[in-house]
């Protein structure tokens, strides 16, 4: 059997292309809604105990809290701090932080929190700090700025 004529081949390709679903990029407003939803979930968990390896709903480690909050907002993140940092492509500088951004501290991306507020040069985050502590909101002080190791925007 002979191969289809070039015009026939082009027509069949265009039909295939028309059926392809194109995923539209969300607007800044839509992305901010996702960030706000994640923050609402994180704020609901204030007071929950830190438990190493826990990812909710009643206890959390740092990456567990971040993953839980964003999962509730419809965004799936990798499980560990390092995997989140390397897996989310949209990197953010300290001066460009916005609510919902994920901030990383110390050597090998060993701690993560969610920026909850940026106002008057002060940056606040919600995080699950360490064993014996609980989920809480803090102001990022000079020590945190010195140990800042990067940020990502997962929304």
C-alpha atoms as a PDB file:
ATOM      1  CA  UNK A   1       0.000   0.000   0.000  1.00  0.00           C
ATOM      2  CA  UNK A   2       1.291   3.469  -0.865  1.00  0.00           C
ATOM      3  CA  UNK A   3       2.135   6.088   1.787  1.00  0.00           C
ATOM      4  CA  UNK A   4      -0.445   8.871   2.173  1.00  0.00           C
ATOM      5  CA  UNK A   5       0.082  11.982   0.111  1.00  0.00           C
ATOM      6  CA  UNK A   6       1.754  14.891   1.969  1.00  0.00           C
ATOM      7  CA  UNK A   7      -1.540  16.830   2.104  1.00  0.00           C
ATOM      8  CA  UNK A   8      -3.302  13.845   3.715  1.00  0.00           C
ATOM      9  CA  UNK A   9      -0.480  13.406   6.272  1.00  0.00           C
ATOM     10  CA  UNK A  10      -0.598  17.101   7.191  1.00  0.00           C
ATOM     11  CA  UNK A  11      -4.369  16.935   7.659  1.00  0.00           C
ATOM     12  CA  UNK A  12      -4.128  13.966  10.020  1.00  0.00           C
ATOM     13  CA  UNK A  13      -1.413  15.712  12.085  1.00  0.00           C
ATOM     14  CA  UNK A  14      -3.515  18.869  12.504  1.00  0.00           C
ATOM     15  CA  UNK A  15      -6.451  16.788  13.775  1.00  0.00           C
ATOM     16  CA  UNK A  16      -4.203  15.269  16.435  1.00  0.00           C
ATOM     17  CA  UNK A  17      -2.887  18.686  17.434  1.00  0.00           C
ATOM     18  CA  UNK A  18      -6.417  20.081  17.833  1.00  0.00           C
ATOM     19  CA  UNK A  19      -7.345  17.385  20.351  1.00  0.00           C
ATOM     20  CA  UNK A  20      -4.316  18.147  22.557  1.00  0.00           C
ATOM     21  CA  UNK A  21      -5.209  19.920  25.811  1.00  0.00           C
ATOM     22  CA  UNK A  22      -3.195  23.041  26.454  1.00  0.00           C
ATOM     23  CA  UNK A  23      -2.689  23.908  30.103  1.00  0.00           C
ATOM     24  CA  UNK A  24      -2.958  27.660  30.588  1.00  0.00           C
ATOM     25  CA  UNK A  25      -0.659  29.393  33.015  1.00  0.00           C
ATOM     26  CA  UNK A  26      -2.509  30.830  36.003  1.00  0.00           C
ATOM     27  CA  UNK A  27      -2.627  34.576  36.518  1.00  0.00           C
ATOM     28  CA  UNK A  28      -0.797  36.218  39.435  1.00  0.00           C
ATOM     29  CA  UNK A  29      -4.181  36.680  41.165  1.00  0.00           C
ATOM     30  CA  UNK A  30      -5.034  32.981  40.803  1.00  0.00           C
ATOM     31  CA  UNK A  31      -1.582  31.983  42.042  1.00  0.00           C
ATOM     32  CA  UNK A  32      -1.946  34.285  45.057  1.00  0.00           C
ATOM     33  CA  UNK A  33      -5.252  32.581  45.893  1.00  0.00           C
ATOM     34  CA  UNK A  34      -3.417  29.245  46.023  1.00  0.00           C
ATOM     35  CA  UNK A  35      -0.772  30.765  48.324  1.00  0.00           C
ATOM     36  CA  UNK A  36      -3.454  32.259  50.598  1.00  0.00           C
ATOM     37  CA  UNK A  37      -5.262  28.919  50.805  1.00  0.00           C
ATOM     38  CA  UNK A  38      -2.010  27.159  51.777  1.00  0.00           C
ATOM     39  CA  UNK A  39      -1.387  29.833  54.432  1.00  0.00           C
ATOM     40  CA  UNK A  40      -4.898  29.376  55.843  1.00  0.00           C
ATOM     41  CA  UNK A  41      -4.216  25.661  56.274  1.00  0.00           C
ATOM     42  CA  UNK A  42      -0.827  26.286  57.871  1.00  0.00           C
ATOM     43  CA  UNK A  43      -2.332  28.825  60.297  1.00  0.00           C
ATOM     44  CA  UNK A  44      -4.981  26.302  61.342  1.00  0.00           C
ATOM     45  CA  UNK A  45      -2.137  24.011  62.452  1.00  0.00           C
ATOM     46  CA  UNK A  46      -0.475  26.526  64.794  1.00  0.00           C
ATOM     47  CA  UNK A  47       0.118  24.799  68.113  1.00  0.00           C
ATOM     48  CA  UNK A  48       0.454  21.315  66.575  1.00  0.00           C
ATOM     49  CA  UNK A  49       3.515  19.458  67.900  1.00  0.00           C
ATOM     50  CA  UNK A  50       6.721  18.905  65.934  1.00  0.00           C
ATOM     51  CA  UNK A  51       7.304  15.209  65.307  1.00  0.00           C
ATOM     52  CA  UNK A  52      10.203  14.129  63.109  1.00  0.00           C
ATOM     53  CA  UNK A  53       8.880  12.580  59.887  1.00  0.00           C
ATOM     54  CA  UNK A  54       5.273  13.652  60.515  1.00  0.00           C
ATOM     55  CA  UNK A  55       3.214  15.162  57.693  1.00  0.00           C
ATOM     56  CA  UNK A  56      -0.089  15.815  59.486  1.00  0.00           C
ATOM     57  CA  UNK A  57      -2.844  16.148  60.155  1.00  0.00           C
ATOM     58  CA  UNK A  58      -2.059  16.467  63.886  1.00  0.00           C
ATOM     59  CA  UNK A  59       1.750  16.719  64.031  1.00  0.00           C
ATOM     60  CA  UNK A  60       4.428  17.865  61.603  1.00  0.00           C
ATOM     61  CA  UNK A  61       8.091  18.243  60.856  1.00  0.00           C
ATOM     62  CA  UNK A  62       9.052  21.336  58.833  1.00  0.00           C
ATOM     63  CA  UNK A  63       8.644  19.856  55.349  1.00  0.00           C
ATOM     64  CA  UNK A  64       5.594  17.909  56.476  1.00  0.00           C
ATOM     65  CA  UNK A  65       3.817  21.154  57.406  1.00  0.00           C
ATOM     66  CA  UNK A  66       4.734  22.810  54.100  1.00  0.00           C
ATOM     67  CA  UNK A  67       3.630  19.788  52.081  1.00  0.00           C
ATOM     68  CA  UNK A  68       0.380  19.429  54.034  1.00  0.00           C
ATOM     69  CA  UNK A  69      -0.597  23.085  53.610  1.00  0.00           C
ATOM     70  CA  UNK A  70       0.147  23.162  49.896  1.00  0.00           C
ATOM     71  CA  UNK A  71      -1.494  19.787  49.266  1.00  0.00           C
ATOM     72  CA  UNK A  72      -4.677  21.200  50.840  1.00  0.00           C
ATOM     73  CA  UNK A  73      -4.348  24.145  48.419  1.00  0.00           C
ATOM     74  CA  UNK A  74      -4.037  21.776  45.441  1.00  0.00           C
ATOM     75  CA  UNK A  75      -0.240  21.775  44.966  1.00  0.00           C
ATOM     76  CA  UNK A  76       1.743  18.558  45.404  1.00  0.00           C
ATOM     77  CA  UNK A  77       5.289  19.046  46.677  1.00  0.00           C
ATOM     78  CA  UNK A  78       8.099  16.526  47.237  1.00  0.00           C
ATOM     79  CA  UNK A  79       8.323  15.200  50.816  1.00  0.00           C
ATOM     80  CA  UNK A  80      11.729  16.398  52.016  1.00  0.00           C
ATOM     81  CA  UNK A  81      13.198  19.882  52.392  1.00  0.00           C
ATOM     82  CA  UNK A  82      16.012  19.314  49.898  1.00  0.00           C
ATOM     83  CA  UNK A  83      13.676  17.723  47.355  1.00  0.00           C
ATOM     84  CA  UNK A  84      11.257  20.650  47.640  1.00  0.00           C
ATOM     85  CA  UNK A  85      14.033  23.172  47.053  1.00  0.00           C
ATOM     86  CA  UNK A  86      15.492  21.341  44.075  1.00  0.00           C
ATOM     87  CA  UNK A  87      12.094  20.290  42.671  1.00  0.00           C
ATOM     88  CA  UNK A  88      10.434  23.718  42.557  1.00  0.00           C
ATOM     89  CA  UNK A  89      11.946  25.723  39.726  1.00  0.00           C
ATOM     90  CA  UNK A  90      10.788  29.221  40.625  1.00  0.00           C
ATOM     91  CA  UNK A  91      13.592  30.527  42.893  1.00  0.00           C
ATOM     92  CA  UNK A  92      13.063  33.779  44.821  1.00  0.00           C
ATOM     93  CA  UNK A  93      15.512  36.265  46.355  1.00  0.00           C
ATOM     94  CA  UNK A  94      15.114  37.565  49.924  1.00  0.00           C
ATOM     95  CA  UNK A  95      14.153  41.033  48.668  1.00  0.00           C
ATOM     96  CA  UNK A  96      11.354  39.559  46.520  1.00  0.00           C
ATOM     97  CA  UNK A  97       9.690  37.346  49.151  1.00  0.00           C
ATOM     98  CA  UNK A  98       5.882  37.251  49.172  1.00  0.00           C
ATOM     99  CA  UNK A  99       3.309  35.438  51.352  1.00  0.00           C
ATOM    100  CA  UNK A 100       3.222  31.769  50.416  1.00  0.00           C
ATOM    101  CA  UNK A 101       6.869  31.551  49.373  1.00  0.00           C
ATOM    102  CA  UNK A 102       8.903  28.769  50.971  1.00  0.00           C
ATOM    103  CA  UNK A 103      12.081  29.868  52.748  1.00  0.00           C
ATOM    104  CA  UNK A 104      15.029  27.569  53.434  1.00  0.00           C
ATOM    105  CA  UNK A 105      17.690  27.876  56.126  1.00  0.00           C
ATOM    106  CA  UNK A 106      21.035  26.334  57.141  1.00  0.00           C
ATOM    107  CA  UNK A 107      23.557  24.258  55.204  1.00  0.00           C
ATOM    108  CA  UNK A 108      22.003  21.656  52.987  1.00  0.00           C
ATOM    109  CA  UNK A 109      18.482  23.046  52.906  1.00  0.00           C
ATOM    110  CA  UNK A 110      17.728  21.509  56.281  1.00  0.00           C
ATOM    111  CA  UNK A 111      14.807  23.715  57.392  1.00  0.00           C
ATOM    112  CA  UNK A 112      11.799  25.183  55.567  1.00  0.00           C
ATOM    113  CA  UNK A 113       8.927  27.495  56.472  1.00  0.00           C
ATOM    114  CA  UNK A 114       6.135  29.369  54.689  1.00  0.00           C
ATOM    115  CA  UNK A 115       6.310  33.161  54.441  1.00  0.00           C
ATOM    116  CA  UNK A 116       3.107  34.363  56.104  1.00  0.00           C
ATOM    117  CA  UNK A 117       3.510  38.133  55.956  1.00  0.00           C
ATOM    118  CA  UNK A 118       5.874  40.757  54.559  1.00  0.00           C
ATOM    119  CA  UNK A 119       5.339  44.221  55.974  1.00  0.00           C
ATOM    120  CA  UNK A 120       7.576  47.184  56.689  1.00  0.00           C
ATOM    121  CA  UNK A 121      10.756  45.284  55.906  1.00  0.00           C
ATOM    122  CA  UNK A 122       9.808  42.460  58.291  1.00  0.00           C
ATOM    123  CA  UNK A 123       9.247  38.946  57.026  1.00  0.00           C
ATOM    124  CA  UNK A 124       7.147  36.476  59.054  1.00  0.00           C
ATOM    125  CA  UNK A 125       6.966  32.736  58.544  1.00  0.00           C
ATOM    126  CA  UNK A 126       4.969  29.793  59.843  1.00  0.00           C
ATOM    127  CA  UNK A 127       7.071  26.718  60.536  1.00  0.00           C
ATOM    128  CA  UNK A 128       7.439  23.605  62.627  1.00  0.00           C
ATOM    129  CA  UNK A 129      10.828  24.263  64.254  1.00  0.00           C
ATOM    130  CA  UNK A 130      12.185  21.264  66.168  1.00  0.00           C
ATOM    131  CA  UNK A 131      11.499  18.366  68.525  1.00  0.00           C
ATOM    132  CA  UNK A 132       9.771  19.591  71.680  1.00  0.00           C
ATOM    133  CA  UNK A 133       8.358  22.646  69.922  1.00  0.00           C
ATOM    134  CA  UNK A 134       5.163  23.349  67.969  1.00  0.00           C
ATOM    135  CA  UNK A 135       3.963  24.969  64.749  1.00  0.00           C
ATOM    136  CA  UNK A 136       4.142  28.732  65.149  1.00  0.00           C
ATOM    137  CA  UNK A 137       4.605  32.049  63.396  1.00  0.00           C
ATOM    138  CA  UNK A 138       7.850  33.992  63.891  1.00  0.00           C
ATOM    139  CA  UNK A 139       9.525  37.128  62.575  1.00  0.00           C
ATOM    140  CA  UNK A 140      12.644  36.354  60.580  1.00  0.00           C
ATOM    141  CA  UNK A 141      15.393  38.082  62.535  1.00  0.00           C
ATOM    142  CA  UNK A 142      19.006  38.816  61.610  1.00  0.00           C
ATOM    143  CA  UNK A 143      20.040  35.254  62.536  1.00  0.00           C
ATOM    144  CA  UNK A 144      17.491  33.830  60.104  1.00  0.00           C
ATOM    145  CA  UNK A 145      18.644  36.229  57.405  1.00  0.00           C
ATOM    146  CA  UNK A 146      22.256  35.077  57.949  1.00  0.00           C
ATOM    147  CA  UNK A 147      21.260  31.409  57.681  1.00  0.00           C
ATOM    148  CA  UNK A 148      18.902  32.011  54.725  1.00  0.00           C
ATOM    149  CA  UNK A 149      19.737  29.498  52.024  1.00  0.00           C
ATOM    150  CA  UNK A 150      17.158  30.325  49.367  1.00  0.00           C
ATOM    151  CA  UNK A 151      13.446  30.488  48.626  1.00  0.00           C
ATOM    152  CA  UNK A 152      10.995  29.068  46.094  1.00  0.00           C
ATOM    153  CA  UNK A 153       7.529  30.015  44.918  1.00  0.00           C
ATOM    154  CA  UNK A 154       5.477  26.816  44.480  1.00  0.00           C
ATOM    155  CA  UNK A 155       2.286  28.557  43.348  1.00  0.00           C
END
